[in-house]
């Protein structure tokens, strides 16, 4: 199984999608929106960890000057996919959790440090605030 097929299968399993086509549509949308959020070393290192096809989707978008908050990320994804916010949140998490299986924990930590607060839950992690 190629790395891309493995990633696609994980997205399909995590998201409980009924077909590879549906999983691929969601994967492409999330990677595209995520690509607009990341810059610098985090963008480069995540791209390097991805299979070639997924890398191309992530890096096709020009990054925004500053990443948007997690709610705006989900809203953009909902608009892109033509779904509800609840479904877009599910889709984002299905892909982002699958991505963490391709990256090491330090890279995921760096991605979360680069992104505004609120993304941790989308990556399947607790979003704990310092007291």
C-alpha atoms as a PDB file:
ATOM      1  CA  UNK A   1       0.000   0.000   0.000  1.00  0.00           C
ATOM      2  CA  UNK A   2       1.396   3.408  -0.936  1.00  0.00           C
ATOM      3  CA  UNK A   3       1.785   6.094   1.714  1.00  0.00           C
ATOM      4  CA  UNK A   4      -0.990   8.100   0.066  1.00  0.00           C
ATOM      5  CA  UNK A   5      -3.395   5.140   0.050  1.00  0.00           C
ATOM      6  CA  UNK A   6      -2.524   4.522   3.700  1.00  0.00           C
ATOM      7  CA  UNK A   7      -3.307   8.160   4.574  1.00  0.00           C
ATOM      8  CA  UNK A   8      -6.529   8.051   2.591  1.00  0.00           C
ATOM      9  CA  UNK A   9      -7.563   4.831   4.333  1.00  0.00           C
ATOM     10  CA  UNK A  10      -6.909   6.394   7.728  1.00  0.00           C
ATOM     11  CA  UNK A  11      -9.025   9.432   6.828  1.00  0.00           C
ATOM     12  CA  UNK A  12     -11.769   7.115   5.599  1.00  0.00           C
ATOM     13  CA  UNK A  13     -11.625   5.038   8.798  1.00  0.00           C
ATOM     14  CA  UNK A  14     -11.436   8.005  11.208  1.00  0.00           C
ATOM     15  CA  UNK A  15     -14.227   9.848   9.410  1.00  0.00           C
ATOM     16  CA  UNK A  16     -16.369   6.782   8.734  1.00  0.00           C
ATOM     17  CA  UNK A  17     -16.671   7.834   5.087  1.00  0.00           C
ATOM     18  CA  UNK A  18     -18.490   5.466   2.764  1.00  0.00           C
ATOM     19  CA  UNK A  19     -16.040   5.716  -0.133  1.00  0.00           C
ATOM     20  CA  UNK A  20     -12.464   6.583  -1.000  1.00  0.00           C
ATOM     21  CA  UNK A  21     -13.793   9.400  -3.175  1.00  0.00           C
ATOM     22  CA  UNK A  22     -15.555  11.015  -0.227  1.00  0.00           C
ATOM     23  CA  UNK A  23     -12.480  10.631   1.984  1.00  0.00           C
ATOM     24  CA  UNK A  24     -10.262  12.080  -0.743  1.00  0.00           C
ATOM     25  CA  UNK A  25     -12.583  15.065  -1.233  1.00  0.00           C
ATOM     26  CA  UNK A  26     -12.397  15.820   2.495  1.00  0.00           C
ATOM     27  CA  UNK A  27      -8.635  15.208   2.636  1.00  0.00           C
ATOM     28  CA  UNK A  28      -8.017  17.604  -0.246  1.00  0.00           C
ATOM     29  CA  UNK A  29     -10.250  20.304   1.230  1.00  0.00           C
ATOM     30  CA  UNK A  30      -8.671  20.146   4.688  1.00  0.00           C
ATOM     31  CA  UNK A  31      -5.131  20.104   3.304  1.00  0.00           C
ATOM     32  CA  UNK A  32      -5.902  23.065   1.057  1.00  0.00           C
ATOM     33  CA  UNK A  33      -7.340  25.165   3.888  1.00  0.00           C
ATOM     34  CA  UNK A  34      -4.527  24.074   6.223  1.00  0.00           C
ATOM     35  CA  UNK A  35      -2.006  25.060   3.568  1.00  0.00           C
ATOM     36  CA  UNK A  36      -3.292  28.614   3.759  1.00  0.00           C
ATOM     37  CA  UNK A  37      -2.623  28.655   7.515  1.00  0.00           C
ATOM     38  CA  UNK A  38       0.964  27.437   7.711  1.00  0.00           C
ATOM     39  CA  UNK A  39       4.206  29.218   6.912  1.00  0.00           C
ATOM     40  CA  UNK A  40       7.914  28.715   7.424  1.00  0.00           C
ATOM     41  CA  UNK A  41       9.482  25.625   8.916  1.00  0.00           C
ATOM     42  CA  UNK A  42       6.169  24.149  10.049  1.00  0.00           C
ATOM     43  CA  UNK A  43       4.773  24.255   6.508  1.00  0.00           C
ATOM     44  CA  UNK A  44       7.970  22.826   5.040  1.00  0.00           C
ATOM     45  CA  UNK A  45       8.286  20.055   7.627  1.00  0.00           C
ATOM     46  CA  UNK A  46       4.648  18.996   7.370  1.00  0.00           C
ATOM     47  CA  UNK A  47       4.897  18.961   3.583  1.00  0.00           C
ATOM     48  CA  UNK A  48       7.998  16.764   3.818  1.00  0.00           C
ATOM     49  CA  UNK A  49       6.117  14.268   5.999  1.00  0.00           C
ATOM     50  CA  UNK A  50       3.226  13.936   3.538  1.00  0.00           C
ATOM     51  CA  UNK A  51       2.936  11.657   0.531  1.00  0.00           C
ATOM     52  CA  UNK A  52       3.604  13.497  -2.737  1.00  0.00           C
ATOM     53  CA  UNK A  53      -0.031  13.990  -3.793  1.00  0.00           C
ATOM     54  CA  UNK A  54      -1.053  15.299  -0.363  1.00  0.00           C
ATOM     55  CA  UNK A  55       2.043  17.531  -0.285  1.00  0.00           C
ATOM     56  CA  UNK A  56       1.017  19.101  -3.594  1.00  0.00           C
ATOM     57  CA  UNK A  57      -2.447  19.954  -2.251  1.00  0.00           C
ATOM     58  CA  UNK A  58      -1.046  21.423   0.989  1.00  0.00           C
ATOM     59  CA  UNK A  59       1.492  23.622  -0.757  1.00  0.00           C
ATOM     60  CA  UNK A  60      -0.731  24.775  -3.638  1.00  0.00           C
ATOM     61  CA  UNK A  61      -2.309  27.516  -1.511  1.00  0.00           C
ATOM     62  CA  UNK A  62      -0.455  30.726  -0.723  1.00  0.00           C
ATOM     63  CA  UNK A  63      -0.374  31.164   3.052  1.00  0.00           C
ATOM     64  CA  UNK A  64      -2.282  33.987   4.679  1.00  0.00           C
ATOM     65  CA  UNK A  65      -0.187  36.610   6.499  1.00  0.00           C
ATOM     66  CA  UNK A  66      -1.541  35.242   9.799  1.00  0.00           C
ATOM     67  CA  UNK A  67      -3.449  32.030  10.431  1.00  0.00           C
ATOM     68  CA  UNK A  68      -7.121  32.354  11.299  1.00  0.00           C
ATOM     69  CA  UNK A  69      -8.621  30.933  14.469  1.00  0.00           C
ATOM     70  CA  UNK A  70     -10.005  27.414  14.589  1.00  0.00           C
ATOM     71  CA  UNK A  71     -13.645  28.553  14.248  1.00  0.00           C
ATOM     72  CA  UNK A  72     -12.813  30.479  11.056  1.00  0.00           C
ATOM     73  CA  UNK A  73     -10.841  27.473   9.781  1.00  0.00           C
ATOM     74  CA  UNK A  74     -13.925  25.282  10.278  1.00  0.00           C
ATOM     75  CA  UNK A  75     -16.191  27.909   8.669  1.00  0.00           C
ATOM     76  CA  UNK A  76     -13.929  28.073   5.617  1.00  0.00           C
ATOM     77  CA  UNK A  77     -13.913  24.296   5.402  1.00  0.00           C
ATOM     78  CA  UNK A  78     -17.721  24.159   5.711  1.00  0.00           C
ATOM     79  CA  UNK A  79     -18.024  26.662   2.875  1.00  0.00           C
ATOM     80  CA  UNK A  80     -15.488  24.766   0.746  1.00  0.00           C
ATOM     81  CA  UNK A  81     -17.244  21.429   1.246  1.00  0.00           C
ATOM     82  CA  UNK A  82     -20.782  22.823   1.293  1.00  0.00           C
ATOM     83  CA  UNK A  83     -21.503  21.276   4.690  1.00  0.00           C
ATOM     84  CA  UNK A  84     -22.588  22.332   8.155  1.00  0.00           C
ATOM     85  CA  UNK A  85     -20.129  23.562  10.774  1.00  0.00           C
ATOM     86  CA  UNK A  86     -20.605  20.332  12.735  1.00  0.00           C
ATOM     87  CA  UNK A  87     -19.779  18.211   9.705  1.00  0.00           C
ATOM     88  CA  UNK A  88     -16.808  20.429   8.815  1.00  0.00           C
ATOM     89  CA  UNK A  89     -15.442  20.054  12.358  1.00  0.00           C
ATOM     90  CA  UNK A  90     -15.753  16.266  12.011  1.00  0.00           C
ATOM     91  CA  UNK A  91     -14.058  16.377   8.611  1.00  0.00           C
ATOM     92  CA  UNK A  92     -11.213  18.560   9.873  1.00  0.00           C
ATOM     93  CA  UNK A  93     -10.565  16.259  12.816  1.00  0.00           C
ATOM     94  CA  UNK A  94     -10.708  13.145  10.643  1.00  0.00           C
ATOM     95  CA  UNK A  95      -7.920  14.511   8.460  1.00  0.00           C
ATOM     96  CA  UNK A  96      -5.832  16.264  11.115  1.00  0.00           C
ATOM     97  CA  UNK A  97      -5.779  13.217  13.392  1.00  0.00           C
ATOM     98  CA  UNK A  98      -4.731  11.104  10.393  1.00  0.00           C
ATOM     99  CA  UNK A  99      -1.912  13.580   9.706  1.00  0.00           C
ATOM    100  CA  UNK A 100      -0.572  13.100  13.232  1.00  0.00           C
ATOM    101  CA  UNK A 101       0.071   9.456  12.367  1.00  0.00           C
ATOM    102  CA  UNK A 102       2.503  10.632   9.664  1.00  0.00           C
ATOM    103  CA  UNK A 103       4.292  13.172  11.811  1.00  0.00           C
ATOM    104  CA  UNK A 104       6.118  12.893  15.077  1.00  0.00           C
ATOM    105  CA  UNK A 105       4.775  14.478  18.246  1.00  0.00           C
ATOM    106  CA  UNK A 106       7.312  17.353  18.184  1.00  0.00           C
ATOM    107  CA  UNK A 107       6.113  18.429  14.714  1.00  0.00           C
ATOM    108  CA  UNK A 108       2.487  18.306  15.823  1.00  0.00           C
ATOM    109  CA  UNK A 109       3.473  20.383  18.872  1.00  0.00           C
ATOM    110  CA  UNK A 110       5.155  22.937  16.589  1.00  0.00           C
ATOM    111  CA  UNK A 111       2.115  23.075  14.302  1.00  0.00           C
ATOM    112  CA  UNK A 112      -0.124  23.737  17.284  1.00  0.00           C
ATOM    113  CA  UNK A 113       2.260  26.391  18.614  1.00  0.00           C
ATOM    114  CA  UNK A 114       2.188  28.099  15.189  1.00  0.00           C
ATOM    115  CA  UNK A 115      -1.613  28.033  14.916  1.00  0.00           C
ATOM    116  CA  UNK A 116      -3.982  30.086  17.085  1.00  0.00           C
ATOM    117  CA  UNK A 117      -5.480  28.502  20.185  1.00  0.00           C
ATOM    118  CA  UNK A 118      -8.337  26.105  19.485  1.00  0.00           C
ATOM    119  CA  UNK A 119      -6.725  23.866  16.885  1.00  0.00           C
ATOM    120  CA  UNK A 120      -5.614  21.237  19.404  1.00  0.00           C
ATOM    121  CA  UNK A 121      -9.091  19.737  19.595  1.00  0.00           C
ATOM    122  CA  UNK A 122      -9.158  19.415  15.810  1.00  0.00           C
ATOM    123  CA  UNK A 123      -5.874  17.469  16.041  1.00  0.00           C
ATOM    124  CA  UNK A 124      -7.410  15.157  18.643  1.00  0.00           C
ATOM    125  CA  UNK A 125      -5.553  16.684  21.566  1.00  0.00           C
ATOM    126  CA  UNK A 126      -6.702  18.364  24.741  1.00  0.00           C
ATOM    127  CA  UNK A 127      -6.741  22.152  24.520  1.00  0.00           C
ATOM    128  CA  UNK A 128      -5.590  23.059  27.975  1.00  0.00           C
ATOM    129  CA  UNK A 129      -5.037  26.662  28.981  1.00  0.00           C
ATOM    130  CA  UNK A 130      -2.527  27.676  31.610  1.00  0.00           C
ATOM    131  CA  UNK A 131      -4.202  28.808  34.813  1.00  0.00           C
END
